[in-house]
Protein backbone atom coordinates (compact mmCIF):
# COMPACT_ATOMS: atom_id res chain seq x y z
CA MET A 1 0.00 0.00 0.00
CA ILE A 2 2.80 2.43 0.90
CA GLN A 3 4.52 1.99 -2.45
CA PHE A 4 1.20 2.47 -4.23
CA LEU A 5 0.51 5.66 -2.31
CA ALA A 6 4.09 6.85 -2.83
CA ARG A 7 3.89 6.46 -6.60
CA ARG A 8 0.53 8.19 -6.59
CA PHE A 9 1.26 11.14 -4.33
CA ILE A 10 5.07 11.63 -4.23
CA ARG A 11 6.63 13.18 -7.29
CA ASP A 12 9.87 11.49 -8.37
CA CYS A 13 9.46 9.02 -5.49
CA ASP A 14 12.56 7.01 -6.46
CA ASN A 15 14.89 9.99 -5.93
CA VAL A 16 15.28 9.43 -2.19
CA GLU A 17 18.37 11.69 -2.04
CA ASP A 18 16.09 14.68 -2.65
CA PRO A 19 15.17 16.24 0.74
CA ALA A 20 11.66 16.99 -0.54
CA VAL A 21 11.11 13.33 -1.42
CA ARG A 22 12.39 12.25 2.02
CA ARG A 23 9.97 14.65 3.71
CA ALA A 24 7.12 13.36 1.57
CA TYR A 25 7.90 9.76 2.55
CA GLY A 26 8.00 10.77 6.22
CA ALA A 27 4.66 12.58 5.95
CA LEU A 28 3.05 9.67 4.09
CA CYS A 29 4.19 7.02 6.57
CA GLY A 30 3.29 9.25 9.49
CA CYS A 31 -0.26 9.83 8.25
CA VAL A 32 -0.80 6.14 7.53
CA GLY A 33 0.58 5.29 10.97
CA ILE A 34 -1.71 7.76 12.71
CA GLY A 35 -4.79 6.39 10.97
CA LEU A 36 -4.00 2.73 11.63
CA ASN A 37 -3.02 3.30 15.26
CA VAL A 38 -6.19 5.28 16.03
CA LEU A 39 -8.31 2.47 14.57
CA LEU A 40 -6.41 -0.12 16.60
CA PHE A 41 -6.75 1.98 19.75
CA LEU A 42 -10.53 2.24 19.37
CA GLY A 43 -10.93 -1.48 18.70
CA LYS A 44 -8.73 -2.57 21.61
CA LEU A 45 -10.24 -0.02 23.98
CA LEU A 46 -13.70 -1.44 23.34
CA ALA A 47 -12.38 -4.97 23.80
CA GLY A 48 -10.54 -4.01 27.00
CA LEU A 49 -13.58 -2.31 28.54
CA ALA A 50 -15.84 -5.20 27.58
CA THR A 51 -13.55 -7.87 29.03
CA GLY A 52 -12.12 -5.95 31.98
CA SER A 53 -8.61 -6.93 30.83
CA VAL A 54 -5.85 -4.59 31.96
CA ALA A 55 -3.52 -6.16 29.40
CA VAL A 56 -5.86 -5.41 26.47
CA THR A 57 -6.52 -1.88 27.73
CA ALA A 58 -2.78 -1.33 28.17
CA ASP A 59 -2.22 -2.51 24.61
CA ALA A 60 -4.88 -0.05 23.44
CA VAL A 61 -3.18 2.84 25.23
CA ASN A 62 0.08 1.75 23.66
CA ASN A 63 -1.49 2.18 20.21
CA LEU A 64 -2.71 5.64 21.17
CA SER A 65 0.84 6.55 22.19
CA ASP A 66 2.02 5.25 18.81
CA ALA A 67 -0.42 7.62 17.09
CA GLY A 68 1.04 10.47 19.13
CA SER A 69 4.53 9.31 18.21
CA SER A 70 3.60 9.48 14.53
CA VAL A 71 2.46 13.08 15.04
CA VAL A 72 5.83 13.89 16.62
CA THR A 73 7.63 12.18 13.72
CA LEU A 74 5.65 14.25 11.22
CA LEU A 75 6.53 17.43 13.12
CA GLY A 76 10.19 16.38 13.17
CA PHE A 77 10.29 15.94 9.39
CA LYS A 78 8.64 19.33 8.92
CA LEU A 79 11.06 21.12 11.24
CA ALA A 80 14.05 19.34 9.68
CA ALA A 81 13.03 20.77 6.30
CA LYS A 82 13.56 24.37 7.42
CA ILE A 83 16.28 26.13 5.47
CA PRO A 84 19.48 27.29 7.23
CA ASP A 85 19.28 30.61 9.03
CA ARG A 86 21.61 32.91 10.96
CA ASP A 87 21.25 30.93 14.19
CA HIS A 88 21.48 27.51 12.49
CA PRO A 89 23.82 27.91 9.49
CA PHE A 90 24.00 24.14 8.93
CA GLY A 91 20.23 23.73 8.73
CA HIS A 92 17.75 21.94 10.96
CA GLY A 93 18.23 18.37 9.76
CA ARG A 94 19.00 17.03 13.22
CA MET A 95 15.44 17.84 14.27
CA GLU A 96 14.56 14.50 12.68
CA TYR A 97 16.84 12.82 15.22
CA VAL A 98 15.37 14.90 18.02
CA SER A 99 11.85 13.85 17.04
CA GLY A 100 12.95 10.23 17.11
CA LEU A 101 14.37 10.78 20.60
CA VAL A 102 11.09 12.34 21.77
CA VAL A 103 9.23 9.31 20.39
CA SER A 104 11.55 6.92 22.24
CA MET A 105 11.16 8.84 25.52
CA ALA A 106 7.37 8.69 25.16
CA ILE A 107 7.61 4.94 24.56
CA ILE A 108 9.72 4.46 27.70
CA LEU A 109 7.37 6.55 29.87
CA MET A 110 4.39 4.59 28.58
CA GLY A 111 6.19 1.34 29.36
CA VAL A 112 6.85 2.44 32.94
CA GLU A 113 3.19 3.42 33.45
CA LEU A 114 1.92 0.15 32.00
CA ALA A 115 4.33 -1.80 34.20
CA ARG A 116 2.85 -0.08 37.26
CA THR A 117 -0.70 -0.95 36.16
CA ALA A 118 0.28 -4.56 35.46
CA LEU A 119 1.88 -4.86 38.89
CA GLU A 120 -1.36 -3.75 40.51
CA GLN A 121 -3.24 -6.44 38.55
CA ILE A 122 -0.71 -9.07 39.66
CA LEU A 123 -1.02 -8.09 43.32
CA ARG A 124 -4.82 -7.60 43.23
CA PRO A 125 -6.10 -9.67 40.29
CA LYS A 126 -9.57 -9.03 38.85
CA PRO A 127 -11.67 -11.45 36.75
CA VAL A 128 -11.32 -11.12 32.96
CA ASP A 129 -14.06 -12.14 30.50
CA PHE A 130 -12.04 -12.78 27.33
CA THR A 131 -14.43 -13.00 24.33
CA PRO A 132 -13.93 -14.27 20.75
CA LEU A 133 -14.44 -10.68 19.56
CA ALA A 134 -11.52 -9.52 21.70
CA ALA A 135 -9.37 -12.35 20.32
CA GLY A 136 -10.30 -11.37 16.77
CA ILE A 137 -9.41 -7.72 17.39
CA LEU A 138 -6.01 -8.72 18.76
CA LEU A 139 -5.31 -10.99 15.78
CA VAL A 140 -6.15 -8.16 13.38
CA SER A 141 -3.90 -5.86 15.43
CA ILE A 142 -0.96 -8.27 15.10
CA ALA A 143 -1.42 -8.42 11.33
CA VAL A 144 -1.67 -4.62 11.01
CA LYS A 145 1.33 -3.97 13.25
CA THR A 146 3.42 -6.51 11.35
CA TYR A 147 2.63 -4.66 8.15
CA MET A 148 3.50 -1.33 9.77
CA ALA A 149 6.84 -2.70 11.02
CA LEU A 150 7.69 -3.94 7.52
CA TYR A 151 6.86 -0.72 5.69
CA ASN A 152 8.51 1.52 8.32
CA ARG A 153 11.68 -0.56 8.20
CA SER A 154 11.70 -0.63 4.40
CA VAL A 155 11.13 3.11 4.02
CA GLY A 156 13.53 3.89 6.89
CA ARG A 157 16.32 1.98 5.19
CA ARG A 158 15.52 3.47 1.81
CA ILE A 159 15.65 7.09 2.95
CA GLY A 160 18.13 6.56 5.81
CA SER A 161 15.80 7.81 8.54
CA ALA A 162 16.47 7.06 12.22
CA ALA A 163 12.95 8.19 13.12
CA MET A 164 11.39 5.71 10.69
CA SER A 165 13.63 2.93 11.99
CA ALA A 166 12.50 3.75 15.53
CA ALA A 167 8.87 3.50 14.40
CA ALA A 168 9.57 0.10 12.82
CA ARG A 169 11.14 -1.17 16.03
CA ASP A 170 8.15 0.09 18.00
CA SER A 171 5.70 -1.68 15.68
CA LEU A 172 7.60 -4.94 15.99
CA GLY A 173 7.51 -4.65 19.78
CA ASP A 174 3.78 -4.04 19.56
CA CYS A 175 3.32 -7.29 17.62
CA LEU A 176 5.07 -9.28 20.32
CA ALA A 177 3.24 -7.46 23.10
CA THR A 178 -0.17 -8.04 21.53
CA ALA A 179 0.68 -11.70 21.01
CA ALA A 180 1.44 -11.97 24.74
CA VAL A 181 -1.90 -10.36 25.58
CA LEU A 182 -3.70 -12.75 23.24
CA LEU A 183 -2.04 -15.80 24.77
CA GLY A 184 -2.87 -14.57 28.26
CA GLY A 185 -6.52 -14.07 27.37
CA LEU A 186 -6.79 -17.50 25.77
CA ALA A 187 -5.13 -19.10 28.80
CA GLY A 188 -7.69 -17.52 31.10
CA ARG A 189 -10.66 -18.55 28.94
CA LEU A 190 -9.57 -22.09 28.02
CA TRP A 191 -7.69 -23.24 31.12
CA ASP A 192 -8.87 -20.79 33.80
CA VAL A 193 -5.29 -19.60 34.31
CA HIS A 194 -5.35 -15.93 35.39
CA ILE A 195 -2.19 -14.37 34.01
CA ASP A 196 -3.65 -11.10 32.69
CA GLY A 197 -1.40 -9.02 34.96
CA TRP A 198 1.66 -10.98 33.94
CA CYS A 199 0.80 -10.49 30.27
CA GLY A 200 0.37 -6.78 30.91
CA GLY A 201 3.83 -6.82 32.50
CA ALA A 202 5.21 -8.55 29.41
CA VAL A 203 3.65 -5.80 27.26
CA ALA A 204 5.35 -3.19 29.43
CA LEU A 205 8.73 -4.92 29.11
CA PHE A 206 8.39 -5.12 25.34
CA ILE A 207 7.53 -1.44 25.22
CA LEU A 208 10.52 -0.53 27.39
CA TRP A 209 12.85 -2.64 25.26
CA SER A 210 11.52 -0.94 22.14
CA GLY A 211 11.94 2.52 23.66
CA VAL A 212 15.53 1.94 24.77
CA GLY A 213 16.48 0.59 21.35
CA ALA A 214 14.81 3.51 19.59
CA ALA A 215 16.58 5.98 21.89
CA LYS A 216 19.96 4.49 21.03
CA ASP A 217 19.20 4.75 17.31
CA THR A 218 18.56 8.48 17.65
CA ILE A 219 21.10 9.41 20.34
CA ASP A 220 24.03 7.96 18.38
CA PRO A 221 23.75 10.36 15.40
CA LEU A 222 23.11 13.27 17.78
CA LEU A 223 26.31 12.54 19.70
CA GLY A 224 28.25 11.83 16.52
CA GLN A 225 28.93 8.42 15.05
CA PRO A 226 31.28 7.17 12.34
CA PRO A 227 29.98 7.09 8.77
CA SER A 228 28.92 3.80 7.26
CA PRO A 229 31.60 1.64 5.61
CA GLU A 230 29.73 2.05 2.31
CA PHE A 231 29.95 5.85 2.55
CA VAL A 232 33.68 5.75 3.35
CA ALA A 233 34.34 3.30 0.51
CA ARG A 234 32.49 5.54 -1.95
CA VAL A 235 34.43 8.64 -0.85
CA ARG A 236 37.71 6.74 -1.20
CA GLU A 237 36.73 5.36 -4.60
CA LEU A 238 35.74 8.76 -5.92
CA ALA A 239 38.84 10.57 -4.63
CA LEU A 240 41.25 7.92 -5.89
CA SER A 241 39.62 7.94 -9.32
CA TYR A 242 41.90 10.92 -10.01
CA PRO A 243 45.38 9.57 -10.88
CA GLU A 244 47.07 12.57 -9.25
CA ILE A 245 45.62 11.63 -5.83
CA ILE A 246 47.83 8.84 -4.47
CA GLY A 247 45.96 8.21 -1.22
CA ILE A 248 43.60 9.77 1.32
CA HIS A 249 43.52 9.89 5.10
CA ASP A 250 42.06 11.85 8.04
CA LEU A 251 38.54 11.59 6.64
CA ILE A 252 36.10 13.36 8.98
CA VAL A 253 32.33 13.36 8.45
CA HIS A 254 30.05 15.83 10.24
CA ASP A 255 26.39 14.83 10.04
CA TYR A 256 23.88 17.66 10.48
CA GLY A 257 20.94 15.50 9.48
CA PRO A 258 20.04 13.39 6.43
CA GLY A 259 21.34 15.05 3.30
CA ARG A 260 23.39 17.59 5.29
CA ARG A 261 26.91 16.22 5.59
CA ILE A 262 30.17 18.12 5.72
CA ILE A 263 33.32 16.13 5.09
CA SER A 264 37.01 16.91 5.14
CA LEU A 265 39.94 14.74 4.15
CA HIS A 266 43.64 14.88 3.33
CA ALA A 267 44.67 13.87 -0.17
CA GLU A 268 48.25 12.75 -0.81
CA VAL A 269 49.63 14.20 -4.05
CA PRO A 270 53.10 13.97 -5.64
CA ALA A 271 55.52 16.47 -4.12
CA SER A 272 57.12 16.87 -7.55
CA GLY A 273 53.84 17.84 -9.27
CA ASP A 274 52.72 21.25 -10.44
CA ILE A 275 50.89 22.84 -7.51
CA LEU A 276 48.39 24.74 -9.68
CA ALA A 277 47.48 21.63 -11.66
CA LEU A 278 47.14 19.59 -8.46
CA HIS A 279 44.93 22.30 -6.97
CA ASP A 280 42.61 22.04 -9.96
CA VAL A 281 42.39 18.28 -9.47
CA VAL A 282 41.50 18.69 -5.79
CA ASP A 283 38.87 21.31 -6.67
CA ALA A 284 37.34 18.91 -9.17
CA ALA A 285 37.25 16.13 -6.57
CA GLU A 286 35.53 18.45 -4.07
CA ARG A 287 32.86 19.41 -6.60
CA ARG A 288 32.26 15.81 -7.60
CA LEU A 289 31.90 14.72 -3.97
CA GLY A 290 29.32 17.45 -3.50
CA GLU A 291 27.37 16.56 -6.65
CA GLU A 292 27.40 12.77 -6.32
CA MET A 293 27.27 12.34 -2.55
CA GLY A 294 25.26 15.39 -1.50
CA CYS A 295 27.87 16.75 0.90
CA LEU A 296 30.07 19.80 1.31
CA ALA A 297 33.65 18.60 0.89
CA THR A 298 36.95 20.21 1.83
CA ILE A 299 40.19 18.50 0.74
CA HIS A 300 43.61 19.37 2.12
CA MET A 301 46.60 18.57 -0.10
CA ASP A 302 49.47 16.61 1.44
CA PRO A 303 52.54 16.52 -0.86
CA VAL A 304 54.44 13.25 -0.49
CA VAL A 305 57.53 11.79 -2.13
CA HIS A 306 56.33 8.75 -4.01
CA ASP A 307 58.86 8.35 -6.82
CA ASP A 308 61.89 7.76 -4.60
CA GLY A 309 62.69 4.05 -4.31
CA ALA A 310 64.28 4.24 -0.86
CA THR A 311 61.35 6.19 0.63
CA ARG A 312 58.81 3.87 -0.96
CA GLU A 313 60.57 0.77 0.37
CA ALA A 314 60.92 2.24 3.87
CA ARG A 315 57.24 3.15 3.93
CA GLU A 316 56.21 -0.35 2.89
CA ARG A 317 58.38 -1.91 5.61
CA VAL A 318 57.02 0.42 8.30
CA SER A 319 53.46 -0.23 7.10
CA ALA A 320 54.02 -3.95 7.55
CA LEU A 321 55.46 -3.30 11.02
CA VAL A 322 52.45 -1.32 12.30
CA ARG A 323 50.04 -3.94 10.93
CA LEU A 324 51.77 -6.46 13.19
CA ILE A 325 50.87 -4.22 16.15
CA ASP A 326 47.25 -4.05 14.97
CA PRO A 327 45.92 -4.94 11.50
CA GLY A 328 43.83 -1.77 11.39
CA ILE A 329 46.71 0.72 11.84
CA THR A 330 47.77 2.71 8.77
CA ILE A 331 50.43 5.36 8.23
CA HIS A 332 50.51 8.55 6.20
CA ASP A 333 52.54 11.74 5.72
CA PHE A 334 55.66 9.57 5.57
CA ARG A 335 59.00 11.40 5.25
CA MET A 336 62.67 10.44 5.59
CA VAL A 337 65.14 12.96 7.03
CA PRO A 338 68.74 11.69 6.65
CA GLY A 339 71.38 12.70 9.22
CA PRO A 340 75.11 12.05 9.72
CA THR A 341 74.53 9.10 12.07
CA HIS A 342 70.90 8.07 11.59
CA THR A 343 67.76 8.72 9.53
CA LYS A 344 64.53 9.94 11.04
CA LEU A 345 61.31 8.40 9.73
CA ILE A 346 58.57 10.94 10.37
CA PHE A 347 54.96 9.82 9.89
CA ASP A 348 51.48 9.69 11.40
CA ALA A 349 50.00 6.39 12.57
CA GLU A 350 46.20 6.23 12.34
CA VAL A 351 44.79 3.84 14.96
CA PRO A 352 41.19 2.55 14.85
CA TYR A 353 39.07 2.84 18.00
CA GLN A 354 38.72 -0.94 18.00
CA CYS A 355 42.41 -1.27 18.86
CA SER A 356 42.76 -2.50 22.44
CA LEU A 357 46.17 -0.88 22.97
CA PRO A 358 46.45 2.64 24.39
CA ASP A 359 48.06 5.24 22.12
CA GLN A 360 51.16 5.42 24.30
CA GLU A 361 51.73 1.69 23.90
CA VAL A 362 51.28 1.88 20.14
CA ARG A 363 53.82 4.71 19.97
CA ARG A 364 56.29 2.77 22.14
CA ARG A 365 56.04 -0.34 19.99
CA ILE A 366 56.55 1.67 16.82
CA GLN A 367 59.57 3.49 18.22
CA GLU A 368 61.11 0.22 19.39
CA GLY A 369 60.20 -1.67 16.23
CA VAL A 370 61.48 0.72 13.57
CA PRO A 371 65.21 0.37 14.54
CA THR A 372 64.83 -3.41 14.21
CA LEU A 373 64.05 -2.89 10.53
CA ASP A 374 67.25 -0.90 10.02
CA GLY A 375 69.70 0.07 12.74
CA ARG A 376 70.16 3.54 11.22
CA TRP A 377 66.45 4.37 11.46
CA SER A 378 64.57 6.08 14.30
CA ALA A 379 60.85 6.82 14.36
CA VAL A 380 59.15 10.13 15.02
CA ALA A 381 55.55 8.91 15.02
CA GLU A 382 52.40 10.86 15.80
CA VAL A 383 49.59 8.51 16.88
CA GLU A 384 46.06 9.64 16.08
CA LYS A 385 42.61 8.06 16.10
CA SER A 386 40.77 7.09 12.96
CA TYR A 387 37.40 8.85 12.54
CA VAL A 388 36.01 6.15 10.24
């Protein structure tokens, strides 16, 4: 249904890199979510009041909170679409993350309240008259929520939306919670086992789990997280498509919301090349990164000696040495400074955050290891963290 509506109401719906198309997808999914959740709330509320089941009523309230969450998501997409202004020169794209965080906080608060209600039912149980109509409503709810989880996840992945992914996780949690309510009701009707309060507690736990997961999905981009491996690989591929660019390092990605990325990187170029010609190449790479990847790119040129056999061999040997310390360590800005008694090897060692060794230990091992490659060599190594 979502794809049908998208092709009918969203112009150029396949161009998901267009901010207007992303907003339209968010509005479409939000409106569909509001409508479906309101219908589920009304159906479950009637079933809960008729049966006296706290679990069914709690599940109904959960659907009402989901409708409210969809309203918040819609508002987040609208605010994120605001153009940059004097107070927010990088735009308002992170409002989408903020809206996702608000949704997750609402989910957690609802889970806490439902847990309190379920605890009261466990301590002071009341009779529940679970009817076939209530069972039918819950079965329909599971089917609808499964569909909502699938389309939210699909659209969230397609447009790269944390808010949509949070909505998908919430819908999946709702499916499991409603299934627990249904099983509890059937157990009471068929076997006279009164576990309504326990099922309500299970609903609350599912809701809390969903809320915590959704919060993590939105807090991470707000705090700052590394870019995806696919994004890094594409940047590297594009930059190295220019023969004059020998290598890249120190890639930093600042994410100000979907479609609002600012990146900077260092590009190694031949020290013997013409600086004006190399500058033109770097300018071309910056423009292409902006056009093809939708980001503002700044590239710093690092001239390196690459046509000297001795320097190239020394760099290869040092590269092999640092990979023995940790396979993820790389080196760049490599220079050799000969002296009367020894030769200094000056370079930067880029260490991934996954490396278990502290920076001081990495530096010590490099400084002790380089002389073992050649007794005339000493290392002047600057250890830095990799941002990707």
